[in-house]
Amino acid sequence: MSLMLWGSLLLICVLGAMSPGPSLAVVLRQTVSNGRGHGILAGCAHALGVGLWAVMTVWGLGVLVNEYQALYQLLTWLGAGYLVWLGISALRMASVPDLQPTQGESETLWQAARSGMLISLLNPKLAVFFTALFSQFVTAGQAFGDQLILVLTATLVDGIWYTLVALLFSQPRLLAWLRRHLKRVEQLTGVVLIALAIRVAIP
């Protein structure tokens, strides 16, 4: 793969990762409620999910999802259901009287990783995205090394972006301000996630 071609791939992956959506909301919530480590882990787990979609797309799953609308719809509803569950959880947390940041630290690292992984795996639009993206870069008889570059670029860009997000929002002053307004953060997160679920479920 030429450097110019890889640069084009990199730019598209960066823009895709930076696009706001449920993934950003989940990483931010983990960072604000549970700390930097939880946010970074959620972001890295999300990147692994992105990597799995990229691998499966290279293997043709993206085409399968596009051709079998019932499969795509099922994945869409599962994803929307998970977003609703996350949104309701955030709203329930916001309803706790005198909510303090320590109350949000009950989530384990495993739960943070699971939330990051599921938010990407239950997003069939990633398969469509990678199908559209990789169709520009995958060729017949392409070397395994080039396919590996495609997958690693998408995975690493996503992981680096959400790690940077977690690092930025865990800066002491900003984190202290966010935690002073934790109820508002949880309420906003809950509303955003449920709204995104409705948007996902209703084309």
N, C-alpha and C. Protein backbone atom coordinates (compact mmCIF):
# COMPACT_ATOMS: atom_id res chain seq x y z
N MET A 1 0.85 -1.20 0.00
CA MET A 1 0.00 0.00 0.00
C MET A 1 0.88 1.24 0.00
N SER A 2 0.60 2.17 -0.91
CA SER A 2 1.41 3.38 -1.00
C SER A 2 1.13 4.29 0.19
N LEU A 3 2.08 5.17 0.47
CA LEU A 3 1.94 6.10 1.58
C LEU A 3 0.77 7.05 1.36
N MET A 4 0.57 7.48 0.11
CA MET A 4 -0.54 8.39 -0.20
C MET A 4 -1.88 7.70 0.03
N LEU A 5 -1.98 6.44 -0.37
CA LEU A 5 -3.22 5.70 -0.19
C LEU A 5 -3.50 5.49 1.29
N TRP A 6 -2.45 5.15 2.04
CA TRP A 6 -2.61 4.97 3.48
C TRP A 6 -3.01 6.28 4.16
N GLY A 7 -2.45 7.39 3.68
CA GLY A 7 -2.81 8.69 4.23
C GLY A 7 -4.29 8.99 4.06
N SER A 8 -4.84 8.62 2.91
CA SER A 8 -6.27 8.81 2.67
C SER A 8 -7.10 7.96 3.64
N LEU A 9 -6.67 6.71 3.82
CA LEU A 9 -7.34 5.81 4.77
C LEU A 9 -7.28 6.38 6.18
N LEU A 10 -6.12 6.87 6.57
CA LEU A 10 -5.94 7.43 7.91
C LEU A 10 -6.87 8.61 8.14
N LEU A 11 -6.95 9.50 7.17
CA LEU A 11 -7.79 10.69 7.31
C LEU A 11 -9.26 10.30 7.50
N ILE A 12 -9.73 9.36 6.70
CA ILE A 12 -11.13 8.93 6.81
C ILE A 12 -11.40 8.29 8.17
N CYS A 13 -10.45 7.47 8.63
CA CYS A 13 -10.61 6.81 9.94
C CYS A 13 -10.63 7.84 11.07
N VAL A 14 -9.78 8.87 10.99
CA VAL A 14 -9.74 9.92 12.01
C VAL A 14 -11.07 10.67 12.05
N LEU A 15 -11.57 11.04 10.89
CA LEU A 15 -12.84 11.76 10.83
C LEU A 15 -13.99 10.90 11.35
N GLY A 16 -13.94 9.60 11.03
CA GLY A 16 -14.98 8.70 11.51
C GLY A 16 -14.94 8.55 13.02
N ALA A 17 -13.74 8.43 13.59
CA ALA A 17 -13.60 8.28 15.04
C ALA A 17 -14.05 9.54 15.77
N MET A 18 -13.77 10.71 15.19
CA MET A 18 -14.09 11.98 15.85
C MET A 18 -15.56 12.35 15.75
N SER A 19 -16.29 11.63 14.90
CA SER A 19 -17.71 11.93 14.75
C SER A 19 -18.45 11.66 16.06
N PRO A 20 -19.17 12.65 16.62
CA PRO A 20 -19.85 12.43 17.90
C PRO A 20 -20.97 11.42 17.79
N GLY A 21 -21.17 10.65 18.85
CA GLY A 21 -22.20 9.62 18.85
C GLY A 21 -22.25 8.92 20.19
N PRO A 22 -22.92 7.77 20.26
CA PRO A 22 -23.06 7.06 21.54
C PRO A 22 -21.72 6.62 22.12
N SER A 23 -20.75 6.32 21.28
CA SER A 23 -19.45 5.88 21.78
C SER A 23 -18.80 6.97 22.61
N LEU A 24 -18.86 8.20 22.11
CA LEU A 24 -18.29 9.33 22.85
C LEU A 24 -19.00 9.51 24.18
N ALA A 25 -20.33 9.39 24.17
CA ALA A 25 -21.10 9.55 25.40
C ALA A 25 -20.71 8.51 26.44
N VAL A 26 -20.49 7.27 26.01
CA VAL A 26 -20.13 6.19 26.93
C VAL A 26 -18.74 6.42 27.52
N VAL A 27 -17.78 6.79 26.69
CA VAL A 27 -16.42 7.02 27.18
C VAL A 27 -16.39 8.21 28.15
N LEU A 28 -17.12 9.26 27.81
CA LEU A 28 -17.18 10.43 28.70
C LEU A 28 -17.81 10.06 30.04
N ARG A 29 -18.89 9.29 30.00
CA ARG A 29 -19.57 8.92 31.25
C ARG A 29 -18.64 8.08 32.13
N GLN A 30 -17.93 7.13 31.52
CA GLN A 30 -17.01 6.31 32.30
C GLN A 30 -15.90 7.16 32.91
N THR A 31 -15.42 8.14 32.15
CA THR A 31 -14.34 9.01 32.65
C THR A 31 -14.80 9.88 33.80
N VAL A 32 -15.95 10.53 33.63
CA VAL A 32 -16.44 11.45 34.64
C VAL A 32 -16.90 10.71 35.90
N SER A 33 -17.62 9.61 35.72
CA SER A 33 -18.19 8.90 36.86
C SER A 33 -17.18 8.01 37.57
N ASN A 34 -16.27 7.41 36.83
CA ASN A 34 -15.41 6.38 37.42
C ASN A 34 -13.92 6.69 37.35
N GLY A 35 -13.52 7.65 36.53
CA GLY A 35 -12.11 8.01 36.50
C GLY A 35 -11.44 7.74 35.17
N ARG A 36 -10.20 8.24 35.09
CA ARG A 36 -9.43 8.15 33.84
C ARG A 36 -9.24 6.72 33.36
N GLY A 37 -8.88 5.81 34.27
CA GLY A 37 -8.62 4.43 33.88
C GLY A 37 -9.82 3.77 33.25
N HIS A 38 -11.00 4.02 33.83
CA HIS A 38 -12.23 3.43 33.28
C HIS A 38 -12.51 4.00 31.88
N GLY A 39 -12.29 5.31 31.71
CA GLY A 39 -12.54 5.92 30.42
C GLY A 39 -11.61 5.39 29.35
N ILE A 40 -10.32 5.27 29.70
CA ILE A 40 -9.34 4.75 28.74
C ILE A 40 -9.66 3.30 28.38
N LEU A 41 -10.02 2.51 29.39
CA LEU A 41 -10.32 1.10 29.14
C LEU A 41 -11.57 0.96 28.26
N ALA A 42 -12.58 1.78 28.52
CA ALA A 42 -13.79 1.75 27.69
C ALA A 42 -13.44 2.11 26.25
N GLY A 43 -12.57 3.11 26.08
CA GLY A 43 -12.16 3.52 24.75
C GLY A 43 -11.37 2.45 24.02
N CYS A 44 -10.46 1.79 24.74
CA CYS A 44 -9.65 0.73 24.13
C CYS A 44 -10.52 -0.48 23.77
N ALA A 45 -11.48 -0.81 24.65
CA ALA A 45 -12.39 -1.92 24.35
C ALA A 45 -13.26 -1.58 23.14
N HIS A 46 -13.66 -0.33 23.05
CA HIS A 46 -14.42 0.12 21.88
C HIS A 46 -13.59 -0.07 20.62
N ALA A 47 -12.31 0.25 20.71
CA ALA A 47 -11.42 0.09 19.55
C ALA A 47 -11.29 -1.37 19.14
N LEU A 48 -11.28 -2.27 20.12
CA LEU A 48 -11.24 -3.70 19.79
C LEU A 48 -12.50 -4.12 19.04
N GLY A 49 -13.63 -3.58 19.47
CA GLY A 49 -14.88 -3.85 18.76
C GLY A 49 -14.83 -3.33 17.33
N VAL A 50 -14.27 -2.14 17.17
CA VAL A 50 -14.10 -1.57 15.83
C VAL A 50 -13.19 -2.47 15.00
N GLY A 51 -12.12 -2.96 15.63
CA GLY A 51 -11.20 -3.85 14.94
C GLY A 51 -11.88 -5.13 14.47
N LEU A 52 -12.77 -5.67 15.32
CA LEU A 52 -13.51 -6.89 14.93
C LEU A 52 -14.42 -6.62 13.74
N TRP A 53 -15.11 -5.46 13.76
CA TRP A 53 -15.94 -5.11 12.62
C TRP A 53 -15.09 -4.97 11.37
N ALA A 54 -13.91 -4.36 11.51
CA ALA A 54 -13.02 -4.17 10.36
C ALA A 54 -12.58 -5.52 9.80
N VAL A 55 -12.20 -6.45 10.69
CA VAL A 55 -11.78 -7.79 10.24
C VAL A 55 -12.92 -8.50 9.53
N MET A 56 -14.11 -8.46 10.15
CA MET A 56 -15.25 -9.15 9.56
C MET A 56 -15.67 -8.53 8.24
N THR A 57 -15.48 -7.20 8.12
CA THR A 57 -15.81 -6.53 6.88
C THR A 57 -14.86 -6.97 5.77
N VAL A 58 -13.58 -7.07 6.11
CA VAL A 58 -12.59 -7.55 5.14
C VAL A 58 -12.96 -8.96 4.67
N TRP A 59 -13.51 -9.75 5.58
CA TRP A 59 -13.92 -11.12 5.25
C TRP A 59 -15.28 -11.20 4.57
N GLY A 60 -15.94 -10.07 4.41
CA GLY A 60 -17.19 -10.05 3.67
C GLY A 60 -18.45 -9.91 4.48
N LEU A 61 -18.34 -9.78 5.82
CA LEU A 61 -19.56 -9.68 6.62
C LEU A 61 -20.32 -8.40 6.32
N GLY A 62 -19.58 -7.33 6.03
CA GLY A 62 -20.25 -6.07 5.71
C GLY A 62 -21.19 -6.22 4.52
N VAL A 63 -20.75 -6.96 3.51
CA VAL A 63 -21.59 -7.20 2.34
C VAL A 63 -22.82 -8.02 2.74
N LEU A 64 -22.60 -9.01 3.63
CA LEU A 64 -23.70 -9.86 4.10
C LEU A 64 -24.75 -9.02 4.81
N VAL A 65 -24.30 -8.12 5.68
CA VAL A 65 -25.23 -7.26 6.42
C VAL A 65 -26.01 -6.36 5.46
N ASN A 66 -25.32 -5.88 4.44
CA ASN A 66 -25.99 -5.02 3.47
C ASN A 66 -27.05 -5.78 2.67
N GLU A 67 -26.77 -7.03 2.31
CA GLU A 67 -27.68 -7.80 1.47
C GLU A 67 -28.84 -8.39 2.25
N TYR A 68 -28.63 -8.73 3.50
CA TYR A 68 -29.68 -9.34 4.32
C TYR A 68 -30.20 -8.29 5.31
N GLN A 69 -31.23 -7.58 4.88
CA GLN A 69 -31.74 -6.47 5.68
C GLN A 69 -32.29 -6.92 7.02
N ALA A 70 -32.81 -8.15 7.09
CA ALA A 70 -33.35 -8.65 8.36
C ALA A 70 -32.23 -8.74 9.41
N LEU A 71 -31.06 -9.19 8.99
CA LEU A 71 -29.92 -9.28 9.90
C LEU A 71 -29.50 -7.90 10.35
N TYR A 72 -29.45 -6.96 9.40
CA TYR A 72 -29.08 -5.59 9.74
C TYR A 72 -30.09 -4.99 10.72
N GLN A 73 -31.39 -5.23 10.47
CA GLN A 73 -32.42 -4.67 11.34
C GLN A 73 -32.34 -5.25 12.74
N LEU A 74 -32.06 -6.56 12.84
CA LEU A 74 -31.93 -7.20 14.14
C LEU A 74 -30.78 -6.57 14.93
N LEU A 75 -29.63 -6.42 14.28
CA LEU A 75 -28.49 -5.80 14.94
C LEU A 75 -28.80 -4.35 15.34
N THR A 76 -29.54 -3.67 14.49
CA THR A 76 -29.91 -2.28 14.80
C THR A 76 -30.77 -2.21 16.05
N TRP A 77 -31.76 -3.09 16.13
CA TRP A 77 -32.64 -3.09 17.31
C TRP A 77 -31.89 -3.48 18.58
N LEU A 78 -30.99 -4.45 18.45
CA LEU A 78 -30.17 -4.82 19.61
C LEU A 78 -29.34 -3.63 20.08
N GLY A 79 -28.75 -2.93 19.14
CA GLY A 79 -27.96 -1.76 19.47
C GLY A 79 -28.80 -0.67 20.12
N ALA A 80 -29.99 -0.43 19.57
CA ALA A 80 -30.88 0.59 20.12
C ALA A 80 -31.32 0.21 21.54
N GLY A 81 -31.61 -1.09 21.73
CA GLY A 81 -32.01 -1.56 23.06
C GLY A 81 -30.91 -1.36 24.09
N TYR A 82 -29.68 -1.59 23.68
CA TYR A 82 -28.55 -1.40 24.59
C TYR A 82 -28.37 0.08 24.93
N LEU A 83 -28.56 0.95 23.95
CA LEU A 83 -28.46 2.39 24.19
C LEU A 83 -29.54 2.85 25.18
N VAL A 84 -30.76 2.33 25.00
CA VAL A 84 -31.84 2.67 25.93
C VAL A 84 -31.50 2.23 27.34
N TRP A 85 -30.97 1.01 27.46
CA TRP A 85 -30.59 0.49 28.78
C TRP A 85 -29.53 1.38 29.43
N LEU A 86 -28.54 1.79 28.65
CA LEU A 86 -27.51 2.68 29.18
C LEU A 86 -28.10 4.04 29.58
N GLY A 87 -29.01 4.55 28.75
CA GLY A 87 -29.63 5.84 29.04
C GLY A 87 -30.46 5.80 30.31
N ILE A 88 -31.25 4.74 30.47
CA ILE A 88 -32.07 4.60 31.68
C ILE A 88 -31.17 4.45 32.91
N SER A 89 -30.08 3.72 32.78
CA SER A 89 -29.14 3.56 33.90
C SER A 89 -28.58 4.91 34.32
N ALA A 90 -28.23 5.74 33.34
CA ALA A 90 -27.70 7.06 33.65
C ALA A 90 -28.75 7.94 34.33
N LEU A 91 -29.99 7.89 33.84
CA LEU A 91 -31.06 8.69 34.44
C LEU A 91 -31.38 8.21 35.86
N ARG A 92 -31.33 6.90 36.08
CA ARG A 92 -31.56 6.37 37.42
C ARG A 92 -30.45 6.83 38.36
N MET A 93 -29.21 6.84 37.88
CA MET A 93 -28.11 7.32 38.69
C MET A 93 -28.29 8.79 39.04
N ALA A 94 -28.78 9.58 38.06
CA ALA A 94 -28.98 11.01 38.29
C ALA A 94 -30.09 11.28 39.30
N SER A 95 -31.01 10.32 39.48
CA SER A 95 -32.13 10.51 40.41
C SER A 95 -31.75 10.20 41.85
N VAL A 96 -30.53 9.67 42.06
CA VAL A 96 -30.09 9.37 43.43
C VAL A 96 -29.91 10.68 44.19
N PRO A 97 -30.53 10.83 45.37
CA PRO A 97 -30.38 12.06 46.14
C PRO A 97 -28.91 12.29 46.53
N ASP A 98 -28.48 13.54 46.42
CA ASP A 98 -27.12 13.92 46.81
C ASP A 98 -26.09 13.00 46.17
N LEU A 99 -26.22 12.79 44.89
CA LEU A 99 -25.28 11.93 44.17
C LEU A 99 -23.87 12.49 44.30
N GLN A 100 -22.95 11.62 44.68
CA GLN A 100 -21.55 11.99 44.79
C GLN A 100 -20.74 11.14 43.82
N PRO A 101 -19.58 11.65 43.36
CA PRO A 101 -18.77 10.88 42.42
C PRO A 101 -18.42 9.49 42.91
N THR A 102 -18.22 9.33 44.24
CA THR A 102 -17.82 8.02 44.75
C THR A 102 -18.91 6.98 44.52
N GLN A 103 -20.18 7.46 44.42
CA GLN A 103 -21.26 6.53 44.17
C GLN A 103 -21.18 5.97 42.75
N GLY A 104 -20.52 6.71 41.86
CA GLY A 104 -20.40 6.25 40.50
C GLY A 104 -19.20 5.35 40.29
N GLU A 105 -18.38 5.16 41.35
CA GLU A 105 -17.16 4.38 41.20
C GLU A 105 -17.37 2.91 41.50
N SER A 106 -18.67 2.50 41.58
CA SER A 106 -18.95 1.10 41.88
C SER A 106 -18.74 0.21 40.66
N GLU A 107 -18.70 0.82 39.48
CA GLU A 107 -18.48 0.03 38.28
C GLU A 107 -17.05 -0.49 38.24
N THR A 108 -16.92 -1.74 37.86
CA THR A 108 -15.59 -2.34 37.78
C THR A 108 -14.95 -2.02 36.43
N LEU A 109 -13.66 -2.31 36.33
CA LEU A 109 -12.96 -2.13 35.07
C LEU A 109 -13.57 -3.03 33.99
N TRP A 110 -13.99 -4.22 34.41
CA TRP A 110 -14.63 -5.14 33.47
C TRP A 110 -15.91 -4.52 32.91
N GLN A 111 -16.71 -3.89 33.76
CA GLN A 111 -17.94 -3.26 33.30
C GLN A 111 -17.66 -2.11 32.35
N ALA A 112 -16.60 -1.36 32.63
CA ALA A 112 -16.21 -0.26 31.73
C ALA A 112 -15.80 -0.80 30.37
N ALA A 113 -15.00 -1.88 30.38
CA ALA A 113 -14.57 -2.49 29.12
C ALA A 113 -15.76 -3.06 28.36
N ARG A 114 -16.67 -3.70 29.09
CA ARG A 114 -17.85 -4.30 28.45
C ARG A 114 -18.71 -3.23 27.79
N SER A 115 -18.89 -2.09 28.47
CA SER A 115 -19.72 -1.03 27.89
C SER A 115 -19.09 -0.48 26.61
N GLY A 116 -17.76 -0.32 26.63
CA GLY A 116 -17.08 0.17 25.43
C GLY A 116 -17.14 -0.82 24.29
N MET A 117 -16.96 -2.10 24.59
CA MET A 117 -16.98 -3.14 23.56
C MET A 117 -18.38 -3.28 22.95
N LEU A 118 -19.40 -3.35 23.80
CA LEU A 118 -20.76 -3.56 23.31
C LEU A 118 -21.28 -2.40 22.48
N ILE A 119 -20.87 -1.17 22.86
CA ILE A 119 -21.38 -0.01 22.13
C ILE A 119 -20.86 -0.01 20.69
N SER A 120 -19.74 -0.69 20.45
CA SER A 120 -19.24 -0.78 19.07
C SER A 120 -19.75 -2.05 18.39
N LEU A 121 -19.79 -3.17 19.10
CA LEU A 121 -20.24 -4.42 18.48
C LEU A 121 -21.71 -4.39 18.11
N LEU A 122 -22.51 -3.66 18.89
CA LEU A 122 -23.95 -3.59 18.61
C LEU A 122 -24.30 -2.40 17.72
N ASN A 123 -23.34 -2.02 16.90
CA ASN A 123 -23.56 -0.90 15.98
C ASN A 123 -23.32 -1.37 14.55
N PRO A 124 -24.35 -1.89 13.89
CA PRO A 124 -24.16 -2.42 12.53
C PRO A 124 -23.75 -1.36 11.53
N LYS A 125 -23.95 -0.09 11.89
CA LYS A 125 -23.54 0.98 10.97
C LYS A 125 -22.03 0.98 10.77
N LEU A 126 -21.31 0.40 11.74
CA LEU A 126 -19.87 0.28 11.56
C LEU A 126 -19.55 -0.67 10.41
N ALA A 127 -20.35 -1.73 10.28
CA ALA A 127 -20.14 -2.66 9.17
C ALA A 127 -20.37 -1.96 7.84
N VAL A 128 -21.43 -1.16 7.79
CA VAL A 128 -21.73 -0.41 6.57
C VAL A 128 -20.62 0.60 6.29
N PHE A 129 -20.16 1.27 7.36
CA PHE A 129 -19.09 2.26 7.21
C PHE A 129 -17.83 1.62 6.64
N PHE A 130 -17.44 0.48 7.22
CA PHE A 130 -16.22 -0.17 6.76
C PHE A 130 -16.38 -0.77 5.37
N THR A 131 -17.61 -1.22 5.05
CA THR A 131 -17.84 -1.73 3.70
C THR A 131 -17.61 -0.62 2.68
N ALA A 132 -18.19 0.56 2.99
CA ALA A 132 -18.01 1.70 2.08
C ALA A 132 -16.55 2.15 2.05
N LEU A 133 -15.92 2.16 3.23
CA LEU A 133 -14.53 2.61 3.32
C LEU A 133 -13.58 1.64 2.64
N PHE A 134 -13.67 0.37 3.02
CA PHE A 134 -12.71 -0.61 2.52
C PHE A 134 -12.90 -0.93 1.04
N SER A 135 -14.10 -0.64 0.52
CA SER A 135 -14.31 -0.88 -0.90
C SER A 135 -13.38 -0.03 -1.75
N GLN A 136 -12.90 1.06 -1.16
CA GLN A 136 -11.98 1.94 -1.87
C GLN A 136 -10.53 1.46 -1.77
N PHE A 137 -10.28 0.52 -0.85
CA PHE A 137 -8.89 0.13 -0.59
C PHE A 137 -8.63 -1.36 -0.77
N VAL A 138 -9.70 -2.18 -0.72
CA VAL A 138 -9.53 -3.63 -0.88
C VAL A 138 -9.59 -3.99 -2.36
N THR A 139 -8.64 -4.79 -2.79
CA THR A 139 -8.60 -5.21 -4.19
C THR A 139 -8.53 -6.73 -4.27
N ALA A 140 -8.89 -7.26 -5.41
CA ALA A 140 -8.84 -8.71 -5.60
C ALA A 140 -7.40 -9.20 -5.47
N GLY A 141 -7.23 -10.28 -4.69
CA GLY A 141 -5.90 -10.84 -4.51
C GLY A 141 -4.98 -9.97 -3.70
N GLN A 142 -5.57 -9.08 -2.89
CA GLN A 142 -4.74 -8.18 -2.08
C GLN A 142 -3.93 -8.95 -1.05
N ALA A 143 -2.70 -8.50 -0.83
CA ALA A 143 -1.82 -9.16 0.11
C ALA A 143 -2.37 -9.06 1.53
N PHE A 144 -2.10 -10.10 2.33
CA PHE A 144 -2.56 -10.12 3.72
C PHE A 144 -2.00 -8.92 4.49
N GLY A 145 -0.78 -8.54 4.18
CA GLY A 145 -0.16 -7.41 4.87
C GLY A 145 -0.94 -6.12 4.68
N ASP A 146 -1.42 -5.89 3.46
CA ASP A 146 -2.22 -4.70 3.20
C ASP A 146 -3.55 -4.74 3.93
N GLN A 147 -4.16 -5.92 3.99
CA GLN A 147 -5.42 -6.06 4.74
C GLN A 147 -5.19 -5.80 6.22
N LEU A 148 -4.05 -6.27 6.72
CA LEU A 148 -3.71 -6.05 8.13
C LEU A 148 -3.53 -4.57 8.41
N ILE A 149 -2.95 -3.85 7.47
CA ILE A 149 -2.77 -2.40 7.63
C ILE A 149 -4.13 -1.71 7.72
N LEU A 150 -5.09 -2.15 6.91
CA LEU A 150 -6.44 -1.58 6.95
C LEU A 150 -7.06 -1.74 8.34
N VAL A 151 -6.99 -2.97 8.84
CA VAL A 151 -7.61 -3.28 10.14
C VAL A 151 -6.90 -2.55 11.28
N LEU A 152 -5.58 -2.59 11.29
CA LEU A 152 -4.82 -1.95 12.37
C LEU A 152 -5.00 -0.44 12.37
N THR A 153 -5.07 0.15 11.19
CA THR A 153 -5.24 1.61 11.12
C THR A 153 -6.57 2.01 11.75
N ALA A 154 -7.65 1.32 11.37
CA ALA A 154 -8.98 1.63 11.93
C ALA A 154 -9.01 1.42 13.44
N THR A 155 -8.39 0.34 13.90
CA THR A 155 -8.42 0.01 15.33
C THR A 155 -7.60 1.00 16.14
N LEU A 156 -6.38 1.27 15.71
CA LEU A 156 -5.49 2.15 16.47
C LEU A 156 -5.98 3.60 16.49
N VAL A 157 -6.50 4.06 15.36
CA VAL A 157 -7.03 5.43 15.32
C VAL A 157 -8.16 5.58 16.33
N ASP A 158 -9.07 4.61 16.36
CA ASP A 158 -10.20 4.67 17.29
C ASP A 158 -9.72 4.64 18.74
N GLY A 159 -8.80 3.72 19.04
CA GLY A 159 -8.29 3.61 20.40
C GLY A 159 -7.55 4.85 20.84
N ILE A 160 -6.72 5.41 19.97
CA ILE A 160 -5.96 6.62 20.32
C ILE A 160 -6.89 7.81 20.54
N TRP A 161 -7.91 7.94 19.68
CA TRP A 161 -8.84 9.06 19.82
C TRP A 161 -9.57 9.02 21.16
N TYR A 162 -10.13 7.87 21.52
CA TYR A 162 -10.89 7.80 22.76
C TYR A 162 -10.00 7.83 24.00
N THR A 163 -8.76 7.41 23.85
CA THR A 163 -7.80 7.57 24.95
C THR A 163 -7.54 9.05 25.18
N LEU A 164 -7.37 9.80 24.10
CA LEU A 164 -7.17 11.25 24.21
C LEU A 164 -8.38 11.93 24.84
N VAL A 165 -9.58 11.47 24.46
CA VAL A 165 -10.80 12.02 25.05
C VAL A 165 -10.81 11.79 26.57
N ALA A 166 -10.49 10.56 26.98
CA ALA A 166 -10.46 10.24 28.41
C ALA A 166 -9.40 11.05 29.14
N LEU A 167 -8.24 11.22 28.53
CA LEU A 167 -7.17 12.00 29.15
C LEU A 167 -7.56 13.47 29.28
N LEU A 168 -8.20 14.01 28.25
CA LEU A 168 -8.60 15.42 28.28
C LEU A 168 -9.63 15.68 29.37
N PHE A 169 -10.65 14.83 29.41
CA PHE A 169 -11.75 15.08 30.35
C PHE A 169 -11.44 14.59 31.77
N SER A 170 -10.26 14.00 31.96
CA SER A 170 -9.85 13.62 33.31
C SER A 170 -8.83 14.59 33.89
N GLN A 171 -8.61 15.72 33.19
CA GLN A 171 -7.74 16.76 33.75
C GLN A 171 -8.36 17.26 35.05
N PRO A 172 -7.56 17.43 36.10
CA PRO A 172 -8.09 17.72 37.44
C PRO A 172 -9.15 18.82 37.50
N ARG A 173 -8.88 19.98 36.91
CA ARG A 173 -9.83 21.09 37.01
C ARG A 173 -11.13 20.79 36.28
N LEU A 174 -10.99 20.28 35.06
CA LEU A 174 -12.18 19.96 34.28
C LEU A 174 -12.96 18.83 34.92
N LEU A 175 -12.26 17.80 35.40
CA LEU A 175 -12.94 16.68 36.03
C LEU A 175 -13.64 17.11 37.31
N ALA A 176 -12.99 17.98 38.08
CA ALA A 176 -13.61 18.47 39.32
C ALA A 176 -14.90 19.23 39.01
N TRP A 177 -14.87 20.04 37.96
CA TRP A 177 -16.07 20.80 37.58
C TRP A 177 -17.17 19.85 37.12
N LEU A 178 -16.80 18.86 36.31
CA LEU A 178 -17.79 17.91 35.82
C LEU A 178 -18.40 17.11 36.97
N ARG A 179 -17.57 16.74 37.93
CA ARG A 179 -18.08 15.95 39.05
C ARG A 179 -18.95 16.78 39.99
N ARG A 180 -18.69 18.09 40.04
CA ARG A 180 -19.58 18.95 40.83
C ARG A 180 -20.97 19.03 40.20
N HIS A 181 -21.00 18.78 38.90
CA HIS A 181 -22.27 18.80 38.18
C HIS A 181 -22.62 17.40 37.68
N LEU A 182 -22.32 16.39 38.50
CA LEU A 182 -22.47 15.01 38.08
C LEU A 182 -23.91 14.67 37.75
N LYS A 183 -24.87 15.22 38.52
CA LYS A 183 -26.27 14.95 38.23
C LYS A 183 -26.63 15.41 36.81
N ARG A 184 -26.18 16.61 36.47
CA ARG A 184 -26.47 17.15 35.15
C ARG A 184 -25.79 16.30 34.05
N VAL A 185 -24.57 15.87 34.33
CA VAL A 185 -23.85 15.04 33.37
C VAL A 185 -24.60 13.74 33.12
N GLU A 186 -25.07 13.10 34.21
CA GLU A 186 -25.80 11.84 34.08
C GLU A 186 -27.13 12.06 33.35
N GLN A 187 -27.81 13.15 33.69
CA GLN A 187 -29.09 13.44 33.03
C GLN A 187 -28.89 13.66 31.53
N LEU A 188 -27.88 14.48 31.20
CA LEU A 188 -27.60 14.77 29.79
C LEU A 188 -27.20 13.50 29.04
N THR A 189 -26.36 12.68 29.68
CA THR A 189 -25.93 11.42 29.06
C THR A 189 -27.12 10.52 28.79
N GLY A 190 -28.00 10.40 29.79
CA GLY A 190 -29.18 9.54 29.64
C GLY A 190 -30.08 9.99 28.51
N VAL A 191 -30.35 11.29 28.44
CA VAL A 191 -31.21 11.83 27.39
C VAL A 191 -30.57 11.63 26.02
N VAL A 192 -29.27 11.91 25.92
CA VAL A 192 -28.57 11.77 24.63
C VAL A 192 -28.59 10.33 24.16
N LEU A 193 -28.32 9.38 25.06
CA LEU A 193 -28.29 7.97 24.68
C LEU A 193 -29.66 7.47 24.23
N ILE A 194 -30.70 7.87 24.94
CA ILE A 194 -32.05 7.45 24.55
C ILE A 194 -32.43 8.09 23.21
N ALA A 195 -32.07 9.35 23.02
CA ALA A 195 -32.36 10.02 21.75
C ALA A 195 -31.62 9.34 20.60
N LEU A 196 -30.38 8.95 20.85
CA LEU A 196 -29.61 8.24 19.83
C LEU A 196 -30.24 6.88 19.52
N ALA A 197 -30.76 6.23 20.57
CA ALA A 197 -31.42 4.93 20.36
C ALA A 197 -32.63 5.08 19.45
N ILE A 198 -33.42 6.13 19.67
CA ILE A 198 -34.60 6.38 18.83
C ILE A 198 -34.17 6.66 17.40
N ARG A 199 -33.09 7.43 17.27
CA ARG A 199 -32.58 7.75 15.93
C ARG A 199 -32.09 6.50 15.21
N VAL A 200 -31.46 5.59 15.97
CA VAL A 200 -30.96 4.35 15.39
C VAL A 200 -32.11 3.44 14.98
N ALA A 201 -33.11 3.33 15.86
CA ALA A 201 -34.21 2.38 15.63
C ALA A 201 -35.16 2.85 14.53
N ILE A 202 -35.29 4.17 14.38
CA ILE A 202 -36.22 4.71 13.38
C ILE A 202 -35.39 5.38 12.27
N PRO A 203 -35.26 4.74 11.12
CA PRO A 203 -34.46 5.27 10.01
C PRO A 203 -34.93 6.67 9.61
